[in-house]
Amino acid sequence: MTLALSLAAAALVQFHDLARSENANSTSTAAIHLTFRHPPAEYRPMVRWWWPGGDVRDAELRREVDELDLAGFGGAEIQPLSMNFPAKLPADVRARVFSAGTPRYFQHVRTAVEEARHHGMWIDVTLGSGWPAGGGEAVTPERCVTDLRYSETAAKGGERFRRALDLPSISGSGVGQFVHGTMGDPIQANPPGWDDRLKARARTVAVLAYRVVPPVTTAPAIPMPGAAATILTSGSIDLDSRIDLTGQVAGDGTLDWQVPPGEWHIFAFRQVAMNDQVMGGAMPGPRLIVDHFSQAAFDAYMQQFGKPMVDALADRFGHGLRALFYDSLEIPADLYWSDDFLQQFESRRGYSLVPYLPLIIQFGYNNGYSSAVSKPLYDRPGIGAAVRRDYWKTVGELILEDFYEPFNAWASGHGLLTRTQAHGAPADLLKVYGRSNIPETEQMAVADHAPELTSHEDGIVGGGPLWPAHRLERKLCLLGRTVLDDAGRHQGKGRPPLRRRDQPDRLSRLSLHV
């Protein structure tokens, strides 16, 4: 009898535990379903919030934050833009549009941040306005980005070469101007005297002559203004034949040279200031692109943009204002350069780049506006690939040290996170993504058209402007990044539907561009 009662009691306890467990499971399942239906703000998608420059009204900002919350968004990234406005705006409207980065603009940002906090949401702010970073009086001709341009002139063996070389003095990308035009963002005139200052920034890096077999070329792969020819077969260059003519070029660019026997080409390499402009920039004043290879230029830019931001919003850094955002790097350059590039290259790589300069010319490689990468203009088996690798490695190190790391440090020092689109940057993309608090890739649904990542010894460099999320997620998780955003545009009419392989296992949030 005692045994029977004990067994019955044990069975009752087991039944009670089972019922409680099933009830707990049921409650847990219901809670999970409820969480998915009404996720906390930090798990919701965010949206790019396009502002018409600084021409906004506080009441409308509050209303739109309310709408974003009701639509299920957890946050927004403010991007003030000046595209697609009428050519002639009333003076008062134009002044409001082109006021991004000013104290008045940041007071509007504060209104948005306060309203977002009220809804338990967050706001991110774009560094500057448009892309890439730049614009305003702080980005002078002396602080704008430069690139390496060249001219190539044939010289016949035995002749007396007496004529002026084509010496590039200012760089303006036809491709960049074409893109500006198609996006309703016309190029603006520089302030008086700035064009002369841009020209004055040019300096001759080297004038070199080589015996060559010219490359075989064809028309550009993409027919747009300024597009480079496609190299079908790289030219052959006799590096041992090099003659340095730099000191023989007169001030007006004239060269007087007795050409030795053979077919010679004269290469004139010049560092020139880029007269390209920020896409859609809405900051007041000129719109030159800031030098991404000079920390001094970055510091000057942050004094212009960061100080009024701190004055208006310091108490909201990390409390409603979550992150500073940097968009994809779209500088229409083929050969990035800096004032001290030759010295930096030699100190890091252990040899002079000068004798090998013709080998680094490769149209479209690491150019954010090019979807076609050509073969090198000239090559030398066993040497060309190594020199190009060393060139791009140096470029990647410099832009990381002089731009991305100062960008991260500024944000961190002010209590902000960083959210970064690294694609398009001529750098080790994993380092740029991995050192950002929130890496953001782009365009999951264009995976079939995006280029493959190019693996180098210590990272990913080059190849093109778009890096879909499913190619980066596992690599970034190894770097400890558990939040990975994707700037997708999949809801638009005519967009292809997402497929399973386009949906990374570790993609944490969509940042929609609508």
Protein backbone atom coordinates (compact mmCIF):
# COMPACT_ATOMS: atom_id res chain seq x y z
CA MET A 1 0.00 0.00 0.00
CA THR A 2 2.77 2.37 0.88
CA LEU A 3 4.57 1.50 -2.37
CA ALA A 4 1.43 2.14 -4.42
CA LEU A 5 0.89 5.51 -2.79
CA SER A 6 4.52 6.43 -3.37
CA LEU A 7 4.30 5.47 -7.06
CA ALA A 8 1.08 7.46 -7.42
CA ALA A 9 2.62 10.48 -5.76
CA ALA A 10 5.68 10.24 -8.01
CA ALA A 11 3.48 9.97 -11.09
CA LEU A 12 1.52 13.04 -9.99
CA VAL A 13 4.69 15.03 -9.53
CA GLN A 14 5.95 13.99 -12.99
CA PHE A 15 2.62 14.92 -14.56
CA HIS A 16 2.70 18.32 -12.85
CA ASP A 17 6.29 18.94 -14.01
CA LEU A 18 5.40 17.90 -17.56
CA ALA A 19 2.35 20.15 -17.62
CA ARG A 20 4.38 23.06 -16.27
CA SER A 21 7.09 22.40 -18.87
CA GLU A 22 4.57 22.27 -21.72
CA ASN A 23 2.94 25.44 -20.46
CA ALA A 24 6.35 27.12 -20.25
CA ASN A 25 7.18 26.00 -23.77
CA SER A 26 3.85 27.28 -24.98
CA THR A 27 4.47 30.60 -23.28
CA SER A 28 7.99 30.76 -24.70
CA THR A 29 6.75 30.00 -28.22
CA ALA A 30 4.07 32.65 -27.93
CA ALA A 31 6.61 35.15 -26.68
CA ILE A 32 8.89 34.41 -29.64
CA HIS A 33 6.01 34.89 -32.08
CA LEU A 34 5.11 38.15 -30.34
CA THR A 35 8.71 39.36 -30.48
CA PHE A 36 8.88 38.70 -34.20
CA ARG A 37 5.60 40.54 -34.73
CA HIS A 38 6.68 43.48 -32.55
CA PRO A 39 10.49 43.40 -32.36
CA PRO A 40 12.40 45.78 -30.09
CA ALA A 41 13.77 48.80 -31.94
CA GLU A 42 17.35 47.49 -32.01
CA TYR A 43 16.26 44.51 -34.13
CA ARG A 44 14.16 46.44 -36.61
CA PRO A 45 15.36 47.53 -40.04
CA MET A 46 16.47 51.11 -40.52
CA VAL A 47 16.01 53.46 -43.42
CA ARG A 48 18.05 56.11 -45.18
CA TRP A 49 16.20 59.35 -44.48
CA TRP A 50 16.82 61.62 -47.46
CA TRP A 51 16.62 65.29 -46.51
CA PRO A 52 16.40 68.09 -49.10
CA GLY A 53 19.69 69.46 -47.84
CA GLY A 54 18.91 71.51 -44.76
CA ASP A 55 15.55 72.74 -46.03
CA VAL A 56 13.45 70.95 -43.42
CA ARG A 57 10.83 71.89 -40.80
CA ASP A 58 10.86 70.57 -37.25
CA ALA A 59 7.15 69.74 -37.20
CA GLU A 60 7.54 67.66 -40.36
CA LEU A 61 10.58 65.89 -38.93
CA ARG A 62 8.58 64.84 -35.86
CA ARG A 63 5.72 63.63 -38.02
CA GLU A 64 8.03 61.55 -40.20
CA VAL A 65 9.72 59.94 -37.19
CA ASP A 66 6.23 58.96 -35.98
CA GLU A 67 5.53 57.45 -39.40
CA LEU A 68 8.80 55.50 -39.35
CA ASP A 69 7.94 54.05 -35.97
CA LEU A 70 4.45 53.05 -37.11
CA ALA A 71 5.96 51.45 -40.22
CA GLY A 72 8.19 49.24 -38.07
CA PHE A 73 11.56 50.92 -38.45
CA GLY A 74 13.97 51.10 -35.55
CA GLY A 75 16.08 53.99 -36.74
CA ALA A 76 17.10 56.24 -39.59
CA GLU A 77 20.24 57.61 -41.16
CA ILE A 78 20.01 61.28 -42.08
CA GLN A 79 21.44 61.99 -45.53
CA PRO A 80 21.05 65.65 -46.63
CA LEU A 81 21.24 65.82 -50.40
CA SER A 82 21.00 68.52 -53.10
CA MET A 83 20.16 66.39 -56.15
CA ASN A 84 17.34 66.98 -58.63
CA PHE A 85 16.48 70.51 -57.57
CA PRO A 86 15.46 73.08 -60.18
CA ALA A 87 18.41 74.83 -61.79
CA LYS A 88 17.32 78.16 -60.34
CA LEU A 89 16.10 78.25 -56.75
CA PRO A 90 14.89 81.33 -54.87
CA ALA A 91 17.78 82.69 -52.80
CA ASP A 92 16.16 81.89 -49.45
CA VAL A 93 15.35 78.30 -50.49
CA ARG A 94 18.85 77.77 -51.86
CA ALA A 95 20.36 79.04 -48.60
CA ARG A 96 18.30 76.51 -46.64
CA VAL A 97 19.09 73.61 -48.99
CA PHE A 98 22.83 74.31 -48.85
CA SER A 99 23.06 74.54 -45.07
CA ALA A 100 24.09 70.99 -44.15
CA GLY A 101 26.74 70.95 -41.45
CA THR A 102 25.82 74.37 -40.09
CA PRO A 103 24.56 75.10 -36.54
CA ARG A 104 21.03 75.57 -37.92
CA TYR A 105 21.18 72.17 -39.64
CA PHE A 106 22.29 70.42 -36.47
CA GLN A 107 19.42 72.00 -34.54
CA HIS A 108 17.09 70.23 -36.97
CA VAL A 109 19.06 67.02 -36.41
CA ARG A 110 18.55 67.50 -32.68
CA THR A 111 14.80 67.73 -33.20
CA ALA A 112 14.88 64.41 -35.07
CA VAL A 113 17.03 62.79 -32.39
CA GLU A 114 14.74 63.95 -29.59
CA GLU A 115 11.69 62.59 -31.36
CA ALA A 116 13.47 59.32 -32.09
CA ARG A 117 14.39 58.93 -28.40
CA HIS A 118 10.76 59.47 -27.50
CA HIS A 119 9.89 56.47 -29.69
CA GLY A 120 12.79 54.32 -28.47
CA MET A 121 14.50 54.68 -31.87
CA TRP A 122 17.92 55.87 -32.97
CA ILE A 123 19.37 58.31 -35.51
CA ASP A 124 22.64 58.02 -37.44
CA VAL A 125 24.24 61.03 -39.13
CA THR A 126 26.14 60.96 -42.41
CA LEU A 127 29.64 62.40 -42.32
CA GLY A 128 29.09 65.60 -44.27
CA SER A 129 26.56 65.50 -47.06
CA GLY A 130 26.43 63.29 -50.13
CA TRP A 131 29.45 61.17 -51.01
CA PRO A 132 32.39 60.97 -50.72
CA ALA A 133 33.26 63.30 -47.83
CA GLY A 134 34.11 66.86 -48.69
CA GLY A 135 32.65 70.25 -49.40
CA GLY A 136 32.76 73.56 -47.59
CA GLU A 137 35.45 76.18 -47.16
CA ALA A 138 37.66 73.79 -45.15
CA VAL A 139 38.34 71.60 -48.19
CA THR A 140 40.57 74.01 -50.04
CA PRO A 141 42.54 73.20 -53.21
CA GLU A 142 45.43 72.40 -50.87
CA ARG A 143 43.32 69.87 -48.92
CA CYS A 144 41.48 68.12 -51.73
CA VAL A 145 42.18 64.64 -53.02
CA THR A 146 44.89 64.16 -55.65
CA ASP A 147 45.71 61.44 -58.12
CA LEU A 148 48.57 60.44 -60.39
CA ARG A 149 48.00 61.32 -64.02
CA TYR A 150 50.28 60.57 -66.92
CA SER A 151 50.84 61.31 -70.57
CA GLU A 152 52.55 59.03 -73.07
CA THR A 153 54.38 60.35 -76.14
CA ALA A 154 56.03 58.23 -78.84
CA ALA A 155 59.53 59.15 -79.95
CA LYS A 156 61.30 57.74 -83.00
CA GLY A 157 64.82 56.43 -82.55
CA GLY A 158 67.53 58.71 -84.00
CA GLU A 159 65.38 61.86 -84.06
CA ARG A 160 65.94 65.07 -82.16
CA PHE A 161 62.88 65.37 -79.93
CA ARG A 162 62.13 69.10 -79.51
CA ARG A 163 58.58 69.80 -78.42
CA ALA A 164 56.35 70.35 -75.41
CA LEU A 165 55.15 67.32 -73.50
CA ASP A 166 51.55 66.98 -72.41
CA LEU A 167 51.87 67.67 -68.69
CA PRO A 168 48.54 67.15 -66.85
CA SER A 169 47.86 70.10 -64.54
CA ILE A 170 44.38 69.50 -63.13
CA SER A 171 42.25 66.40 -62.92
CA GLY A 172 38.57 66.34 -63.69
CA SER A 173 36.98 62.97 -64.36
CA GLY A 174 34.73 62.88 -67.41
CA VAL A 175 33.10 59.79 -65.94
CA GLY A 176 32.45 61.62 -62.67
CA GLN A 177 30.93 64.58 -64.51
CA PHE A 178 28.76 62.19 -66.52
CA VAL A 179 27.45 60.58 -63.33
CA HIS A 180 26.76 64.00 -61.79
CA GLY A 181 24.76 64.96 -64.86
CA THR A 182 22.69 61.78 -64.96
CA MET A 183 21.81 62.12 -61.27
CA GLY A 184 20.55 65.69 -61.49
CA ASP A 185 23.59 67.10 -59.70
CA PRO A 186 25.30 69.62 -62.00
CA ILE A 187 28.94 70.53 -61.40
CA GLN A 188 29.29 73.87 -59.61
CA ALA A 189 31.89 76.52 -60.34
CA ASN A 190 34.72 76.87 -57.83
CA PRO A 191 35.22 80.14 -55.96
CA PRO A 192 37.32 82.83 -57.72
CA GLY A 193 40.99 81.90 -57.73
CA TRP A 194 40.48 78.27 -56.73
CA ASP A 195 41.06 76.86 -60.22
CA ASP A 196 44.47 78.55 -60.28
CA ARG A 197 45.25 77.12 -56.85
CA LEU A 198 44.23 73.66 -58.05
CA LYS A 199 46.60 73.98 -61.01
CA ALA A 200 49.36 75.17 -58.70
CA ARG A 201 49.08 71.94 -56.71
CA ALA A 202 50.36 69.95 -59.70
CA ARG A 203 53.93 68.76 -59.59
CA THR A 204 56.02 66.52 -61.79
CA VAL A 205 56.76 63.14 -60.22
CA ALA A 206 58.95 61.77 -63.03
CA VAL A 207 59.52 61.95 -66.79
CA LEU A 208 60.83 58.61 -68.01
CA ALA A 209 61.64 57.11 -71.43
CA TYR A 210 61.59 53.38 -72.21
CA ARG A 211 61.86 51.11 -75.21
CA VAL A 212 58.42 49.58 -75.57
CA VAL A 213 56.13 47.39 -77.64
CA PRO A 214 52.81 49.31 -77.43
CA PRO A 215 49.65 47.65 -76.07
CA VAL A 216 46.74 46.50 -78.23
CA THR A 217 43.65 48.52 -77.30
CA THR A 218 40.03 48.92 -78.26
CA ALA A 219 37.22 51.35 -77.52
CA PRO A 220 36.05 51.76 -73.89
CA ALA A 221 33.91 48.92 -72.56
CA ILE A 222 31.35 51.49 -71.37
CA PRO A 223 30.89 54.41 -73.81
CA MET A 224 30.70 57.42 -71.53
CA PRO A 225 32.73 60.65 -71.44
CA GLY A 226 36.22 60.13 -70.07
CA ALA A 227 36.04 56.34 -70.13
CA ALA A 228 39.41 54.69 -70.72
CA ALA A 229 40.23 52.31 -73.53
CA THR A 230 40.14 48.58 -72.97
CA ILE A 231 43.53 46.89 -73.10
CA LEU A 232 43.32 43.68 -75.12
CA THR A 233 47.03 42.88 -74.84
CA SER A 234 49.36 44.63 -72.42
CA GLY A 235 52.34 46.40 -73.88
CA SER A 236 55.87 45.17 -73.25
CA ILE A 237 58.37 47.49 -71.62
CA ASP A 238 62.15 47.17 -71.34
CA LEU A 239 62.77 48.35 -67.79
CA ASP A 240 66.54 48.23 -68.24
CA SER A 241 66.31 50.80 -71.03
CA ARG A 242 64.93 53.49 -68.70
CA ILE A 243 66.25 57.02 -69.16
CA ASP A 244 65.26 59.58 -66.54
CA LEU A 245 64.45 62.84 -68.36
CA THR A 246 62.86 64.66 -65.42
CA GLY A 247 65.67 67.20 -65.10
CA GLN A 248 65.71 67.90 -68.85
CA VAL A 249 62.15 69.22 -69.06
CA ALA A 250 61.97 73.03 -69.20
CA GLY A 251 59.55 75.06 -67.15
CA ASP A 252 57.11 75.30 -70.05
CA GLY A 253 57.11 71.52 -70.50
CA THR A 254 59.47 71.49 -73.49
CA LEU A 255 61.85 68.55 -73.83
CA ASP A 256 65.01 68.63 -75.95
CA TRP A 257 66.36 65.08 -76.27
CA GLN A 258 68.37 63.09 -78.76
CA VAL A 259 66.45 59.81 -79.03
CA PRO A 260 68.59 56.62 -79.06
CA PRO A 261 67.87 53.87 -81.63
CA GLY A 262 64.65 51.90 -81.17
CA GLU A 263 60.98 52.66 -80.46
CA TRP A 264 60.69 54.82 -77.37
CA HIS A 265 57.80 56.15 -75.36
CA ILE A 266 58.11 59.09 -72.98
CA PHE A 267 55.95 58.89 -69.84
CA ALA A 268 55.29 62.11 -67.92
CA PHE A 269 53.84 61.39 -64.46
CA ARG A 270 52.24 64.26 -62.56
CA GLN A 271 50.51 64.54 -59.22
CA VAL A 272 47.43 66.70 -59.81
CA ALA A 273 44.58 67.98 -57.69
CA MET A 274 41.24 66.37 -58.50
CA ASN A 275 38.63 68.90 -59.55
CA ASP A 276 35.84 66.39 -58.92
CA GLN A 277 33.02 67.23 -56.56
CA VAL A 278 31.00 65.63 -53.80
CA MET A 279 27.94 63.90 -55.22
CA GLY A 280 24.83 65.71 -54.04
CA GLY A 281 26.76 67.76 -51.49
CA ALA A 282 24.53 70.22 -49.60
CA MET A 283 27.10 71.93 -47.41
CA PRO A 284 27.50 75.68 -48.05
CA GLY A 285 30.36 76.72 -50.28
CA PRO A 286 32.53 74.73 -52.71
CA ARG A 287 32.28 70.94 -53.05
CA LEU A 288 35.81 69.56 -53.50
CA ILE A 289 36.47 66.04 -52.18
CA VAL A 290 38.59 65.99 -49.03
CA ASP A 291 42.05 64.40 -49.30
CA HIS A 292 41.56 60.88 -47.89
CA PHE A 293 45.34 60.45 -47.69
CA SER A 294 46.03 63.34 -45.33
CA GLN A 295 45.04 63.29 -41.68
CA ALA A 296 45.62 67.05 -41.56
CA ALA A 297 42.93 67.46 -44.23
CA PHE A 298 40.60 65.14 -42.30
CA ASP A 299 41.18 67.12 -39.09
CA ALA A 300 40.37 70.38 -40.86
CA TYR A 301 37.20 68.86 -42.26
CA MET A 302 36.11 67.61 -38.84
CA GLN A 303 36.73 71.02 -37.35
CA GLN A 304 34.28 72.38 -39.94
CA PHE A 305 31.67 69.61 -39.63
CA GLY A 306 32.31 68.14 -36.20
CA LYS A 307 32.46 71.27 -34.05
CA PRO A 308 28.91 72.51 -34.73
CA MET A 309 27.74 68.91 -34.36
CA VAL A 310 29.33 68.69 -30.91
CA ASP A 311 27.99 72.10 -29.90
CA ALA A 312 24.41 71.13 -30.79
CA LEU A 313 24.32 67.43 -29.91
CA ALA A 314 27.07 66.42 -27.46
CA ASP A 315 24.57 65.44 -24.75
CA ARG A 316 22.78 63.16 -27.22
CA PHE A 317 25.87 61.29 -28.43
CA GLY A 318 25.11 57.67 -27.59
CA HIS A 319 21.67 58.69 -26.33
CA GLY A 320 19.47 58.83 -29.39
CA LEU A 321 22.24 59.80 -31.79
CA ARG A 322 23.80 56.39 -32.30
CA ALA A 323 26.45 56.49 -35.03
CA LEU A 324 28.42 58.48 -37.56
CA PHE A 325 27.98 56.95 -41.01
CA TYR A 326 30.38 56.89 -43.96
CA ASP A 327 29.04 55.90 -47.35
CA SER A 328 30.76 53.86 -50.07
CA LEU A 329 33.91 55.51 -51.37
CA GLU A 330 33.27 56.71 -54.91
CA ILE A 331 36.30 58.72 -55.96
CA PRO A 332 36.74 58.54 -59.75
CA ALA A 333 40.49 58.00 -59.63
CA ASP A 334 42.58 55.31 -61.30
CA LEU A 335 45.84 55.99 -59.48
CA TYR A 336 45.50 57.35 -55.94
CA TRP A 337 48.35 59.54 -54.77
CA SER A 338 49.50 61.78 -51.93
CA ASP A 339 52.09 64.49 -51.39
CA ASP A 340 54.49 62.02 -49.76
CA PHE A 341 53.50 58.84 -51.61
CA LEU A 342 56.92 58.04 -53.06
CA GLN A 343 58.56 58.35 -49.64
CA GLN A 344 55.82 56.27 -48.00
CA PHE A 345 56.13 53.59 -50.65
CA GLU A 346 59.90 53.28 -50.33
CA SER A 347 59.85 53.20 -46.53
CA ARG A 348 57.15 50.49 -46.47
CA ARG A 349 58.13 48.36 -49.46
CA GLY A 350 61.90 48.81 -49.42
CA TYR A 351 62.48 50.05 -52.97
CA SER A 352 61.74 53.05 -55.19
CA LEU A 353 58.53 52.98 -57.21
CA VAL A 354 59.82 55.47 -59.80
CA PRO A 355 61.46 53.01 -62.26
CA TYR A 356 58.27 50.92 -62.32
CA LEU A 357 55.61 53.64 -62.63
CA PRO A 358 54.36 52.54 -66.11
CA LEU A 359 53.53 49.10 -64.66
CA ILE A 360 50.88 50.41 -62.23
CA ILE A 361 48.64 51.88 -64.95
CA GLN A 362 45.51 49.71 -65.10
CA PHE A 363 42.28 51.40 -66.15
CA GLY A 364 39.27 50.77 -63.93
CA TYR A 365 41.02 48.89 -61.12
CA ASN A 366 39.68 50.15 -57.77
CA ASN A 367 37.76 52.92 -59.54
CA GLY A 368 34.39 53.28 -57.84
CA TYR A 369 32.73 54.39 -61.08
CA SER A 370 34.08 51.59 -63.26
CA SER A 371 32.46 48.18 -63.66
CA ALA A 372 35.15 47.05 -66.12
CA VAL A 373 38.76 46.41 -65.14
CA SER A 374 41.23 46.39 -67.99
CA LYS A 375 44.52 44.55 -68.25
CA PRO A 376 47.60 46.58 -67.28
CA LEU A 377 48.68 49.07 -69.90
CA TYR A 378 52.22 47.70 -69.69
CA ASP A 379 53.44 44.55 -68.02
CA ARG A 380 56.63 42.66 -67.30
CA PRO A 381 56.45 38.95 -66.34
CA GLY A 382 57.56 38.31 -62.80
CA ILE A 383 57.70 42.01 -61.92
CA GLY A 384 54.50 43.80 -62.97
CA ALA A 385 52.08 41.94 -60.70
CA ALA A 386 54.39 42.34 -57.68
CA VAL A 387 54.80 46.09 -58.24
CA ARG A 388 51.05 46.61 -58.65
CA ARG A 389 50.43 44.60 -55.50
CA ASP A 390 52.90 46.74 -53.56
CA TYR A 391 51.36 49.93 -54.94
CA TRP A 392 47.83 49.00 -53.91
CA LYS A 393 49.00 47.69 -50.55
CA THR A 394 50.61 51.07 -49.85
CA VAL A 395 47.48 52.92 -50.99
CA GLY A 396 45.36 50.73 -48.70
CA GLU A 397 47.57 51.29 -45.68
CA LEU A 398 47.61 55.06 -46.17
CA ILE A 399 43.85 55.53 -46.56
CA LEU A 400 43.27 53.34 -43.50
CA GLU A 401 45.75 55.32 -41.40
CA ASP A 402 44.88 58.80 -42.66
CA PHE A 403 41.10 58.55 -43.04
CA TYR A 404 39.28 55.50 -41.70
CA GLU A 405 41.18 55.21 -38.42
CA PRO A 406 40.86 58.95 -37.64
CA PHE A 407 37.17 58.70 -38.55
CA ASN A 408 36.72 55.79 -36.10
CA ALA A 409 38.76 57.56 -33.42
CA TRP A 410 36.76 60.79 -33.71
CA ALA A 411 33.47 58.96 -33.35
CA SER A 412 34.66 56.77 -30.49
CA GLY A 413 36.16 59.75 -28.68
CA HIS A 414 32.76 61.43 -28.74
CA GLY A 415 30.73 58.42 -27.62
CA LEU A 416 29.42 57.50 -31.07
CA LEU A 417 29.53 54.26 -33.00
CA THR A 418 30.70 54.09 -36.61
CA ARG A 419 28.71 52.54 -39.44
CA THR A 420 30.79 52.12 -42.57
CA GLN A 421 30.38 51.04 -46.16
CA ALA A 422 33.91 50.04 -47.12
CA HIS A 423 33.19 48.95 -50.67
CA GLY A 424 34.76 51.16 -53.29
CA ALA A 425 37.70 51.94 -51.01
CA PRO A 426 41.18 51.12 -52.38
CA ALA A 427 42.02 49.25 -49.20
CA ASP A 428 41.99 45.96 -47.35
CA LEU A 429 38.20 45.84 -47.10
CA LEU A 430 38.14 43.44 -44.19
CA LYS A 431 40.26 45.82 -42.13
CA VAL A 432 38.01 48.77 -42.95
CA TYR A 433 34.83 46.77 -42.27
CA GLY A 434 36.29 45.01 -39.26
CA ARG A 435 37.34 48.22 -37.51
CA SER A 436 33.90 49.75 -37.88
CA ASN A 437 31.37 49.10 -35.13
CA ILE A 438 28.67 48.35 -37.71
CA PRO A 439 29.93 47.14 -41.11
CA GLU A 440 27.44 47.81 -43.87
CA THR A 441 27.54 46.10 -47.23
CA GLU A 442 25.18 46.76 -50.11
CA GLN A 443 23.02 45.21 -52.80
CA MET A 444 22.36 41.62 -51.80
CA ALA A 445 20.22 41.17 -54.90
CA VAL A 446 22.93 42.07 -57.39
CA ALA A 447 25.20 39.20 -56.41
CA ASP A 448 25.31 37.75 -59.91
CA HIS A 449 26.74 40.98 -61.28
CA ALA A 450 29.17 41.95 -58.51
CA PRO A 451 32.86 41.19 -58.94
CA GLU A 452 34.64 38.53 -56.95
CA LEU A 453 36.72 39.62 -53.99
CA THR A 454 40.40 39.68 -54.81
CA SER A 455 42.33 37.93 -52.06
CA HIS A 456 45.73 39.35 -51.20
CA GLU A 457 48.11 38.19 -48.52
CA ASP A 458 46.52 40.08 -45.67
CA GLY A 459 43.08 41.10 -46.83
CA ILE A 460 40.75 41.91 -49.65
CA VAL A 461 41.69 44.61 -52.09
CA GLY A 462 40.28 45.88 -55.31
CA GLY A 463 37.96 44.66 -57.99
CA GLY A 464 34.96 46.97 -57.99
CA PRO A 465 32.45 49.01 -56.02
CA LEU A 466 29.83 46.54 -54.68
CA TRP A 467 30.28 43.81 -52.10
CA PRO A 468 27.09 41.80 -51.41
CA ALA A 469 26.55 40.74 -47.82
CA HIS A 470 26.75 36.99 -48.36
CA ARG A 471 30.38 37.34 -49.43
CA LEU A 472 31.46 39.06 -46.24
CA GLU A 473 29.32 37.73 -43.40
CA ARG A 474 31.43 34.76 -42.34
CA LYS A 475 34.69 36.69 -42.62
CA LEU A 476 33.35 39.55 -40.51
CA CYS A 477 32.07 37.17 -37.85
CA LEU A 478 35.65 35.94 -37.46
CA LEU A 479 36.53 39.55 -36.60
CA GLY A 480 33.88 39.61 -33.87
CA ARG A 481 31.30 41.69 -35.75
CA THR A 482 27.88 40.28 -34.89
CA VAL A 483 25.92 43.16 -36.44
CA LEU A 484 26.09 43.40 -40.22
CA ASP A 485 23.88 45.86 -42.08
CA ASP A 486 22.94 45.66 -45.72
CA ALA A 487 21.92 48.79 -47.61
CA GLY A 488 19.34 47.01 -49.72
CA ARG A 489 16.86 48.38 -52.21
CA HIS A 490 14.72 45.32 -52.73
CA GLN A 491 11.24 46.75 -52.32
CA GLY A 492 11.27 48.87 -55.44
CA LYS A 493 9.24 48.14 -58.53
CA GLY A 494 11.10 45.87 -60.90
CA ARG A 495 13.66 44.77 -58.31
CA PRO A 496 14.48 41.04 -58.35
CA PRO A 497 13.15 39.04 -55.38
CA LEU A 498 15.56 37.89 -52.69
CA ARG A 499 16.70 34.30 -53.02
CA ARG A 500 17.86 32.06 -50.23
CA ARG A 501 21.52 32.41 -51.13
CA ASP A 502 21.16 36.20 -51.08
CA GLN A 503 20.13 36.09 -47.42
CA PRO A 504 23.20 35.79 -45.21
CA ASP A 505 22.85 33.72 -42.07
CA ARG A 506 24.36 36.50 -39.98
CA LEU A 507 22.86 39.58 -41.62
CA SER A 508 21.46 41.46 -38.66
CA ARG A 509 19.59 44.35 -40.19
CA LEU A 510 18.48 45.90 -43.46
CA SER A 511 19.16 49.58 -44.09
CA LEU A 512 16.68 50.43 -46.81
CA HIS A 513 17.31 53.08 -49.46
CA VAL A 514 13.88 54.12 -50.65
